[in-house]
Protein backbone atom coordinates (compact mmCIF):
# COMPACT_ATOMS: atom_id res chain seq x y z
CA VAL A 1 -5.67 -36.32 10.68
CA TYR A 2 -4.65 -38.30 13.75
CA LYS A 3 -6.77 -39.74 16.56
CA ILE A 4 -5.53 -40.15 20.12
CA VAL A 5 -6.57 -42.95 22.48
CA GLU A 6 -5.40 -43.99 25.94
CA VAL A 7 -4.59 -47.59 26.81
CA VAL A 8 -3.27 -49.24 29.97
CA GLY A 9 -0.72 -52.04 30.00
CA VAL A 10 -0.05 -54.30 32.99
CA SER A 11 3.06 -56.28 33.93
CA GLU A 12 4.29 -58.14 36.98
CA LYS A 13 7.89 -57.17 36.09
CA SER A 14 8.19 -53.46 35.21
CA TRP A 15 6.58 -50.25 33.99
CA GLU A 16 8.56 -50.57 30.75
CA GLU A 17 7.11 -53.98 30.01
CA ALA A 18 3.62 -52.73 30.87
CA GLY A 19 4.03 -49.85 28.40
CA ARG A 20 5.37 -52.17 25.72
CA ARG A 21 2.42 -54.53 26.18
CA ALA A 22 -0.03 -51.64 25.87
CA VAL A 23 1.50 -50.50 22.57
CA GLU A 24 1.89 -53.99 21.11
CA THR A 25 -1.67 -54.98 21.99
CA ALA A 26 -3.10 -51.75 20.53
CA ALA A 27 -1.01 -52.26 17.38
CA SER A 28 -2.85 -55.50 16.70
CA SER A 29 -6.09 -53.59 16.05
CA LEU A 30 -4.96 -50.02 15.26
CA ARG A 31 -3.03 -49.23 12.09
CA ASP A 32 -0.32 -46.69 11.50
CA LEU A 33 0.56 -45.89 15.12
CA ARG A 34 2.71 -42.76 15.28
CA VAL A 35 3.52 -41.69 18.84
CA ALA A 36 3.23 -43.33 22.26
CA GLU A 37 3.40 -41.03 25.27
CA VAL A 38 3.52 -42.33 28.84
CA MET A 39 0.84 -40.45 30.77
CA LYS A 40 0.90 -42.15 34.15
CA MET A 41 2.56 -45.04 35.96
CA ASP A 42 1.17 -46.73 39.05
CA MET A 43 1.34 -50.00 40.94
CA LYS A 44 -1.25 -52.46 42.16
CA VAL A 45 -0.56 -53.31 45.81
CA GLU A 46 -1.71 -56.50 47.52
CA ASP A 47 -0.91 -57.39 51.14
CA GLY A 48 1.60 -54.53 51.33
CA LYS A 49 3.59 -55.72 48.30
CA VAL A 50 3.70 -54.64 44.66
CA ALA A 51 1.58 -57.09 42.67
CA ALA A 52 1.68 -55.38 39.26
CA PHE A 53 2.99 -52.35 37.40
CA ARG A 54 0.54 -50.36 35.27
CA THR A 55 1.43 -47.85 32.57
CA ARG A 56 -1.13 -45.57 30.93
CA VAL A 57 -0.09 -44.67 27.37
CA SER A 58 -1.56 -42.10 25.01
CA LEU A 59 -1.33 -43.37 21.41
CA SER A 60 -1.81 -41.44 18.21
CA PHE A 61 -2.65 -43.13 14.95
CA LYS A 62 -3.62 -42.04 11.47
CA TYR A 63 -7.37 -41.63 11.10
CA GLU A 64 -8.70 -42.82 7.75
CA SER A 65 -11.91 -41.38 6.38
């Protein structure tokens, strides 16, 4: 059985880095991650300029009972 959770990563550089941060941070507390699917990408805008990239990732991991 697998459980699915959504996490959001943030980066000042790119969507790819934001997604990588989301997965790596989740991996520190979730075991046996299987699939990461990018659900949504957006940007934080401040004073008319891009301040940060955000990537929402759906992660599946093995659920232990």
